[in-house]
N, C-alpha and C. Protein backbone atom coordinates (compact mmCIF):
# COMPACT_ATOMS: atom_id res chain seq x y z
N MET A 1 -106.58 -76.87 111.90
CA MET A 1 -105.47 -76.13 112.53
C MET A 1 -104.57 -76.76 113.13
N ALA A 2 -103.28 -76.03 112.83
CA ALA A 2 -102.11 -76.80 113.40
C ALA A 2 -102.01 -76.59 115.10
N ALA A 3 -101.44 -77.41 115.39
CA ALA A 3 -100.91 -77.37 116.81
C ALA A 3 -99.79 -76.35 116.89
N ALA A 4 -99.56 -76.05 118.20
CA ALA A 4 -98.42 -75.31 118.55
C ALA A 4 -97.58 -75.74 119.48
N TYR A 5 -96.43 -75.30 119.88
CA TYR A 5 -95.29 -75.86 120.57
C TYR A 5 -94.79 -74.82 121.38
N LEU A 6 -94.49 -74.87 122.79
CA LEU A 6 -93.85 -74.17 123.40
C LEU A 6 -92.66 -74.82 123.66
N ILE A 7 -91.36 -73.99 123.44
CA ILE A 7 -89.96 -75.01 123.58
C ILE A 7 -89.44 -74.14 124.68
N VAL A 8 -88.84 -74.76 125.75
CA VAL A 8 -88.09 -73.93 126.65
C VAL A 8 -86.88 -74.72 127.32
N GLU A 9 -85.90 -73.50 127.22
CA GLU A 9 -84.55 -73.87 127.28
C GLU A 9 -84.35 -73.16 128.92
N SER A 10 -83.87 -74.20 129.82
CA SER A 10 -83.58 -73.55 131.27
C SER A 10 -82.27 -73.99 131.95
N ARG A 11 -81.94 -73.20 132.70
CA ARG A 11 -80.93 -73.74 133.60
C ARG A 11 -81.43 -73.30 134.88
N ILE A 12 -81.75 -74.40 135.85
CA ILE A 12 -82.19 -74.36 137.14
C ILE A 12 -80.98 -73.97 138.34
N SER A 13 -81.28 -72.92 138.87
CA SER A 13 -80.06 -72.36 139.86
C SER A 13 -80.50 -72.57 141.26
N ASP A 14 -81.93 -72.64 141.38
CA ASP A 14 -82.54 -72.80 142.92
C ASP A 14 -83.42 -73.99 142.51
N PRO A 15 -83.12 -75.42 142.87
CA PRO A 15 -83.94 -76.37 142.72
C PRO A 15 -85.19 -76.26 143.73
N GLU A 16 -85.02 -75.95 144.78
CA GLU A 16 -86.30 -75.87 145.93
C GLU A 16 -87.20 -74.71 145.39
N ARG A 17 -86.96 -73.45 145.03
CA ARG A 17 -87.52 -72.55 144.60
C ARG A 17 -88.37 -73.00 143.31
N PHE A 18 -87.59 -73.85 142.35
CA PHE A 18 -88.38 -74.16 141.13
C PHE A 18 -89.18 -74.98 141.33
N LYS A 19 -89.45 -75.88 142.31
CA LYS A 19 -90.32 -77.10 142.52
C LYS A 19 -91.74 -76.17 142.86
N ALA A 20 -91.65 -75.08 143.20
CA ALA A 20 -92.98 -74.22 143.45
C ALA A 20 -93.54 -74.02 142.08
N TYR A 21 -92.51 -73.57 141.18
CA TYR A 21 -93.28 -73.33 139.80
C TYR A 21 -93.55 -74.45 139.18
N MET A 22 -92.60 -75.60 139.25
CA MET A 22 -93.33 -76.84 138.81
C MET A 22 -94.55 -77.57 139.49
N ALA A 23 -94.91 -76.87 140.54
CA ALA A 23 -96.08 -77.43 141.06
C ALA A 23 -97.34 -76.54 140.71
N ALA A 24 -97.16 -75.36 140.44
CA ALA A 24 -98.15 -74.49 139.91
C ALA A 24 -98.30 -74.44 138.20
N ALA A 25 -97.36 -74.67 137.52
CA ALA A 25 -97.77 -74.47 136.07
C ALA A 25 -98.46 -75.67 135.45
N PRO A 26 -98.20 -76.79 135.80
CA PRO A 26 -99.19 -77.88 135.25
C PRO A 26 -100.62 -77.42 135.07
N ALA A 27 -101.15 -77.01 136.09
CA ALA A 27 -102.57 -76.80 136.14
C ALA A 27 -103.25 -75.69 135.18
N VAL A 28 -102.09 -74.64 135.12
CA VAL A 28 -102.34 -73.72 134.00
C VAL A 28 -102.37 -74.35 132.70
N VAL A 29 -101.36 -74.90 132.56
CA VAL A 29 -100.96 -75.57 131.12
C VAL A 29 -102.38 -76.28 130.69
N ARG A 30 -102.93 -77.09 131.76
CA ARG A 30 -103.95 -78.16 131.58
C ARG A 30 -105.35 -77.46 131.04
N ALA A 31 -105.41 -76.23 131.78
CA ALA A 31 -106.60 -75.43 131.78
C ALA A 31 -106.72 -74.88 130.19
N PHE A 32 -105.37 -74.75 129.40
CA PHE A 32 -105.77 -74.18 128.23
C PHE A 32 -105.29 -75.41 127.14
N ALA A 33 -105.45 -76.62 127.38
CA ALA A 33 -105.27 -77.69 126.59
C ALA A 33 -104.10 -77.95 126.27
N GLY A 34 -103.30 -77.73 127.15
CA GLY A 34 -101.65 -77.79 126.85
C GLY A 34 -101.22 -79.57 127.54
N GLU A 35 -100.28 -79.94 126.79
CA GLU A 35 -99.67 -81.12 127.53
C GLU A 35 -98.03 -81.07 127.44
N TYR A 36 -97.51 -81.64 128.41
CA TYR A 36 -95.99 -81.77 128.48
C TYR A 36 -95.67 -82.85 127.62
N LEU A 37 -94.73 -82.81 126.68
CA LEU A 37 -94.14 -83.74 126.01
C LEU A 37 -92.77 -84.11 126.31
N VAL A 38 -91.90 -83.37 126.70
CA VAL A 38 -90.63 -83.29 127.49
C VAL A 38 -90.74 -82.45 128.42
N ARG A 39 -90.03 -82.93 129.65
CA ARG A 39 -89.80 -82.19 130.81
C ARG A 39 -88.56 -82.55 131.39
N GLY A 40 -87.39 -82.04 130.86
CA GLY A 40 -86.19 -82.64 131.32
C GLY A 40 -86.06 -83.78 130.60
N GLY A 41 -85.12 -84.72 131.31
CA GLY A 41 -84.82 -86.01 130.70
C GLY A 41 -83.57 -86.10 129.81
N ARG A 42 -83.34 -87.26 129.73
CA ARG A 42 -81.98 -87.72 128.92
C ARG A 42 -81.94 -86.84 127.44
N MET A 43 -80.89 -86.47 127.09
CA MET A 43 -80.70 -85.74 125.96
C MET A 43 -79.51 -86.21 125.29
N ALA A 44 -79.21 -85.90 124.20
CA ALA A 44 -77.80 -86.31 123.26
C ALA A 44 -77.91 -85.08 122.03
N VAL A 45 -77.05 -84.55 122.02
CA VAL A 45 -76.49 -83.50 121.01
C VAL A 45 -76.09 -84.46 119.79
N LEU A 46 -76.87 -84.27 118.59
CA LEU A 46 -76.52 -85.10 117.80
C LEU A 46 -75.97 -84.46 116.44
N GLU A 47 -76.27 -82.98 116.25
CA GLU A 47 -75.39 -82.32 115.51
C GLU A 47 -75.56 -80.76 115.94
N GLY A 48 -74.41 -79.92 115.74
CA GLY A 48 -74.48 -78.74 116.16
C GLY A 48 -73.57 -78.74 117.68
N ASP A 49 -73.54 -77.64 118.25
CA ASP A 49 -73.00 -77.37 119.55
C ASP A 49 -73.91 -76.75 120.49
N TRP A 50 -75.10 -76.75 119.99
CA TRP A 50 -76.31 -76.41 121.14
C TRP A 50 -76.32 -77.33 122.32
N THR A 51 -76.10 -77.03 123.42
CA THR A 51 -76.02 -78.08 124.53
C THR A 51 -77.10 -77.31 125.75
N PRO A 52 -78.25 -77.20 125.58
CA PRO A 52 -79.05 -76.88 126.58
C PRO A 52 -78.87 -77.61 127.78
N PRO A 53 -79.01 -76.97 128.82
CA PRO A 53 -79.22 -77.64 130.42
C PRO A 53 -80.03 -78.55 130.46
N ARG A 54 -81.42 -77.91 129.97
CA ARG A 54 -82.70 -78.54 130.46
C ARG A 54 -83.72 -78.29 129.35
N LEU A 55 -84.40 -79.10 128.45
CA LEU A 55 -85.27 -78.49 127.71
C LEU A 55 -86.72 -79.31 128.28
N THR A 56 -87.72 -78.19 127.77
CA THR A 56 -89.25 -78.62 128.05
C THR A 56 -89.95 -78.30 126.85
N VAL A 57 -90.68 -79.31 126.36
CA VAL A 57 -91.55 -79.11 125.25
C VAL A 57 -92.88 -79.16 125.54
N LEU A 58 -93.87 -78.14 125.31
CA LEU A 58 -95.30 -78.58 125.59
C LEU A 58 -96.09 -78.44 124.20
N ARG A 59 -97.18 -79.26 124.32
CA ARG A 59 -98.12 -79.00 122.74
C ARG A 59 -99.39 -78.37 123.32
N TYR A 60 -99.90 -77.47 122.60
CA TYR A 60 -101.37 -76.92 122.52
C TYR A 60 -102.10 -76.92 121.22
N PRO A 61 -103.23 -76.96 121.35
CA PRO A 61 -104.30 -77.49 120.18
C PRO A 61 -103.84 -76.19 119.07
N SER A 62 -103.50 -75.17 119.44
CA SER A 62 -103.32 -73.63 118.68
C SER A 62 -102.52 -72.93 119.12
N PHE A 63 -101.98 -71.97 118.24
CA PHE A 63 -100.98 -70.79 118.67
C PHE A 63 -101.53 -70.09 119.59
N GLU A 64 -102.72 -69.71 119.26
CA GLU A 64 -103.65 -68.80 120.36
C GLU A 64 -104.01 -69.51 121.59
N ALA A 65 -104.07 -70.59 121.34
CA ALA A 65 -104.36 -71.38 123.07
C ALA A 65 -102.99 -71.31 123.80
N ALA A 66 -102.01 -71.33 123.14
CA ALA A 66 -100.74 -71.33 124.13
C ALA A 66 -100.43 -69.80 124.17
N GLN A 67 -100.71 -68.87 123.37
CA GLN A 67 -100.46 -67.56 123.74
C GLN A 67 -101.43 -67.05 124.91
N LYS A 68 -102.68 -67.51 124.91
CA LYS A 68 -103.60 -67.10 126.01
C LYS A 68 -103.12 -67.90 127.42
N MET A 69 -102.61 -68.97 127.03
CA MET A 69 -101.97 -69.76 128.37
C MET A 69 -100.94 -68.58 129.12
N TYR A 70 -99.97 -68.07 128.11
CA TYR A 70 -99.07 -67.44 128.73
C TYR A 70 -99.42 -66.13 129.31
N ASP A 71 -100.46 -65.52 128.47
CA ASP A 71 -100.82 -64.32 129.08
C ASP A 71 -101.64 -64.46 130.14
N SER A 72 -102.07 -65.55 130.55
CA SER A 72 -103.20 -65.62 131.67
C SER A 72 -102.61 -65.26 133.18
N PRO A 73 -103.69 -64.81 133.90
CA PRO A 73 -103.19 -64.41 135.16
C PRO A 73 -102.59 -65.57 136.02
N GLY A 74 -103.31 -66.97 135.76
CA GLY A 74 -102.37 -68.00 136.29
C GLY A 74 -101.24 -68.45 135.90
N TYR A 75 -100.73 -68.23 134.89
CA TYR A 75 -99.36 -68.42 134.32
C TYR A 75 -98.39 -66.99 134.87
N HIS A 76 -99.01 -66.05 134.87
CA HIS A 76 -98.35 -64.80 135.56
C HIS A 76 -97.97 -65.37 137.03
N ALA A 77 -98.78 -65.64 137.72
CA ALA A 77 -98.59 -66.04 138.91
C ALA A 77 -97.46 -67.20 139.19
N ALA A 78 -97.64 -68.07 138.23
CA ALA A 78 -96.68 -69.21 138.15
C ALA A 78 -95.24 -68.66 137.80
N ARG A 79 -95.16 -67.65 136.82
CA ARG A 79 -93.89 -66.98 136.73
C ARG A 79 -93.19 -66.46 137.68
N GLN A 80 -93.88 -65.75 138.47
CA GLN A 80 -93.68 -65.20 139.83
C GLN A 80 -92.89 -66.01 140.70
N LEU A 81 -93.53 -67.15 140.71
CA LEU A 81 -92.77 -68.23 141.59
C LEU A 81 -91.48 -68.80 141.08
N ARG A 82 -91.24 -68.59 139.82
CA ARG A 82 -90.16 -68.93 139.09
C ARG A 82 -88.96 -68.06 139.49
N ASP A 83 -89.37 -66.58 139.64
CA ASP A 83 -88.27 -65.63 139.76
C ASP A 83 -87.19 -65.95 140.65
N GLY A 84 -85.76 -66.09 140.40
CA GLY A 84 -85.12 -66.24 141.07
C GLY A 84 -84.58 -67.67 141.21
N ALA A 85 -85.07 -68.62 140.53
CA ALA A 85 -85.05 -70.08 140.53
C ALA A 85 -84.34 -70.58 139.35
N THR A 86 -83.94 -69.72 138.09
CA THR A 86 -83.25 -70.05 137.05
C THR A 86 -82.20 -68.91 136.65
N ALA A 87 -81.07 -69.65 136.18
CA ALA A 87 -79.94 -68.60 135.74
C ALA A 87 -80.27 -68.41 134.19
N LEU A 88 -81.21 -69.31 133.54
CA LEU A 88 -81.21 -69.22 132.11
C LEU A 88 -82.97 -69.83 132.09
N PHE A 89 -83.67 -68.96 130.98
CA PHE A 89 -84.91 -69.27 131.14
C PHE A 89 -85.22 -68.78 129.48
N ASN A 90 -85.34 -69.50 128.42
CA ASN A 90 -85.65 -69.03 127.14
C ASN A 90 -86.96 -69.80 126.68
N MET A 91 -87.93 -69.08 126.30
CA MET A 91 -89.10 -69.85 125.98
C MET A 91 -89.52 -69.37 124.41
N VAL A 92 -89.73 -70.09 123.40
CA VAL A 92 -90.30 -69.69 122.13
C VAL A 92 -91.66 -70.48 121.91
N LEU A 93 -92.62 -69.78 121.11
CA LEU A 93 -93.84 -70.68 120.76
C LEU A 93 -93.71 -70.60 119.23
N VAL A 94 -93.93 -71.97 118.56
CA VAL A 94 -93.90 -71.99 117.25
C VAL A 94 -95.35 -72.91 116.76
N GLU A 95 -95.57 -72.39 115.76
CA GLU A 95 -96.79 -73.22 115.13
C GLU A 95 -96.16 -74.57 114.29
N GLY A 96 -97.03 -75.56 114.72
CA GLY A 96 -96.71 -76.90 113.82
C GLY A 96 -97.10 -76.91 112.67
N VAL A 97 -96.96 -77.94 112.04
CA VAL A 97 -97.34 -78.21 110.60
C VAL A 97 -98.50 -78.54 110.49
N ASP A 98 -99.39 -77.87 109.51
CA ASP A 98 -101.11 -78.15 109.36
C ASP A 98 -100.73 -79.13 108.20
N ALA A 99 -100.63 -80.39 108.29
CA ALA A 99 -100.62 -81.30 107.18
C ALA A 99 -101.47 -82.65 107.57
N PRO A 100 -101.88 -83.31 106.77
CA PRO A 100 -102.55 -84.32 106.92
C PRO A 100 -101.58 -85.61 107.40
N PRO A 101 -101.91 -86.70 108.39
CA PRO A 101 -100.84 -87.58 108.78
C PRO A 101 -100.62 -88.42 107.45
N THR A 102 -99.39 -88.85 107.58
CA THR A 102 -98.90 -89.70 106.43
C THR A 102 -98.83 -91.09 106.69
């Protein structure tokens, strides 16, 4: 079974309010076997003109596990904490490659 990835582009408009979301979300992520791979950090555009203000990437053991996390009451509560804290928040879920390691 292939891993799945949540990719989030965001622009934080209220850092104090966003801290509440950042405090609540990790426990929900862990409850569904997710892990943060990227959470902000240094970034360089190597090609194209996409310049996301902030990126977050999470890995889950499957597409279904990530979807269940997103649909869970715990993440619903975390999302409510995020309301009004971001001027931009785009999230996509993508299934990874199911291939043997090289």
